[in-house]
Amino acid sequence: MTDTASDVTAVCRDGELTSTVVSAVAEAKGVDPLELEPLYSYVDPDALNRLFRPSDRSTSIEFRFQFADCVVEISGDREVTVTPPAAADESRSAVVSHAE
């Protein structure tokens, strides 16, 4: 994905990736994280944390989904890029890709 001026990028070094996702989406939308719908309405948070465990960093995996009208993309190195509603596709979708 090519970053635009309105994209928000954050890297989760340690801990739960889901916290980084929620914080980045809130920043992209300019709201408090508590104002967002629950993440579990869009994706299974436990599965997301397991898929991107800090000990299993793989640059070949990428996950993209819709959350709070934003497009969230996560790469294997635990980098989260959020495209806010103005630039995001309106449909809810989830895509997982893994290059070997």
Protein backbone atom coordinates (compact mmCIF):
# COMPACT_ATOMS: atom_id res chain seq x y z
CA MET A 1 0.00 0.00 0.00
CA THR A 2 1.27 3.48 -0.80
CA ASP A 3 1.04 5.86 2.13
CA THR A 4 -0.91 9.07 1.65
CA ALA A 5 -0.64 12.11 3.90
CA SER A 6 -3.64 10.92 5.90
CA ASP A 7 -2.47 7.34 6.54
CA VAL A 8 -1.36 6.42 10.05
CA THR A 9 1.45 3.90 10.47
CA ALA A 10 2.48 2.29 13.76
CA VAL A 11 4.75 -0.62 14.59
CA CYS A 12 3.95 -2.98 17.44
CA ARG A 13 7.31 -4.07 18.82
CA ASP A 14 6.02 -6.13 21.76
CA GLY A 15 2.70 -6.85 23.38
CA GLU A 16 -0.71 -7.28 21.82
CA LEU A 17 -1.05 -6.12 18.25
CA THR A 18 -4.74 -5.39 18.79
CA SER A 19 -3.91 -2.47 21.08
CA THR A 20 -1.75 -0.95 18.36
CA VAL A 21 -4.55 -1.43 15.80
CA VAL A 22 -7.14 0.30 18.00
CA SER A 23 -4.79 3.20 18.81
CA ALA A 24 -3.83 3.70 15.16
CA VAL A 25 -7.46 3.67 13.98
CA ALA A 26 -8.44 6.15 16.70
CA GLU A 27 -5.57 8.42 15.65
CA ALA A 28 -6.57 8.20 11.97
CA LYS A 29 -10.16 9.12 12.82
CA GLY A 30 -9.20 11.77 15.39
CA VAL A 31 -11.20 10.15 18.19
CA ASP A 32 -10.57 8.56 21.56
CA PRO A 33 -10.02 4.78 21.30
CA LEU A 34 -12.99 4.23 23.64
CA GLU A 35 -15.28 5.89 21.07
CA LEU A 36 -14.64 3.14 18.50
CA GLU A 37 -16.83 0.10 18.05
CA PRO A 38 -15.31 -3.03 19.58
CA LEU A 39 -12.59 -4.56 17.42
CA TYR A 40 -14.24 -7.98 17.82
CA SER A 41 -17.14 -6.70 15.69
CA TYR A 42 -14.75 -6.81 12.73
CA VAL A 43 -12.10 -9.43 13.45
CA ASP A 44 -11.27 -12.01 16.12
CA PRO A 45 -8.73 -10.18 18.33
CA ASP A 46 -7.28 -13.41 19.77
CA ALA A 47 -6.73 -14.84 16.29
CA LEU A 48 -5.09 -11.59 15.16
CA ASN A 49 -2.72 -11.63 18.13
CA ARG A 50 -1.86 -15.30 17.46
CA LEU A 51 -1.31 -14.67 13.74
CA PHE A 52 1.16 -11.86 14.47
CA ARG A 53 2.96 -13.12 17.59
CA PRO A 54 6.15 -11.14 18.34
CA SER A 55 8.18 -14.36 18.26
CA ASP A 56 6.90 -15.40 14.82
CA ARG A 57 7.69 -12.33 12.74
CA SER A 58 7.38 -13.19 9.08
CA THR A 59 7.61 -10.50 6.45
CA SER A 60 5.71 -12.68 4.00
CA ILE A 61 2.29 -12.43 5.68
CA GLU A 62 -0.13 -9.55 5.24
CA PHE A 63 -3.64 -9.07 6.61
CA ARG A 64 -6.11 -6.38 5.56
CA PHE A 65 -9.56 -5.69 6.96
CA GLN A 66 -12.11 -2.94 7.49
CA PHE A 67 -12.48 -1.45 10.98
CA ALA A 68 -14.51 1.64 11.91
CA ASP A 69 -14.70 2.71 8.24
CA CYS A 70 -10.91 2.54 7.93
CA VAL A 71 -8.81 0.05 6.01
CA VAL A 72 -6.28 -1.61 8.31
CA GLU A 73 -3.26 -3.38 6.82
CA ILE A 74 -0.89 -5.41 8.97
CA SER A 75 2.38 -6.82 7.69
CA GLY A 76 4.38 -9.69 9.13
CA ASP A 77 6.81 -7.33 10.84
CA ARG A 78 3.80 -6.07 12.89
CA GLU A 79 3.56 -2.77 11.05
CA VAL A 80 0.01 -1.42 11.08
CA THR A 81 -1.09 1.05 8.39
CA VAL A 82 -4.52 2.65 8.67
CA THR A 83 -6.22 4.46 5.81
CA PRO A 84 -9.00 6.68 7.18
CA PRO A 85 -12.58 6.74 5.82
CA ALA A 86 -12.04 9.47 3.21
CA ALA A 87 -9.52 7.28 1.39
CA ALA A 88 -10.82 3.83 2.37
CA ASP A 89 -13.14 1.53 0.45
CA GLU A 90 -16.64 1.48 1.96
CA SER A 91 -17.04 -2.30 1.96
CA ARG A 92 -16.09 -4.54 4.88
CA SER A 93 -13.57 -7.07 3.72
CA ALA A 94 -10.77 -9.21 5.04
CA VAL A 95 -7.83 -10.45 3.01
CA VAL A 96 -4.97 -12.67 4.11
CA SER A 97 -2.01 -13.29 1.85
CA HIS A 98 1.09 -15.32 2.45
CA ALA A 99 3.97 -15.41 0.01
CA GLU A 100 6.28 -18.38 0.11
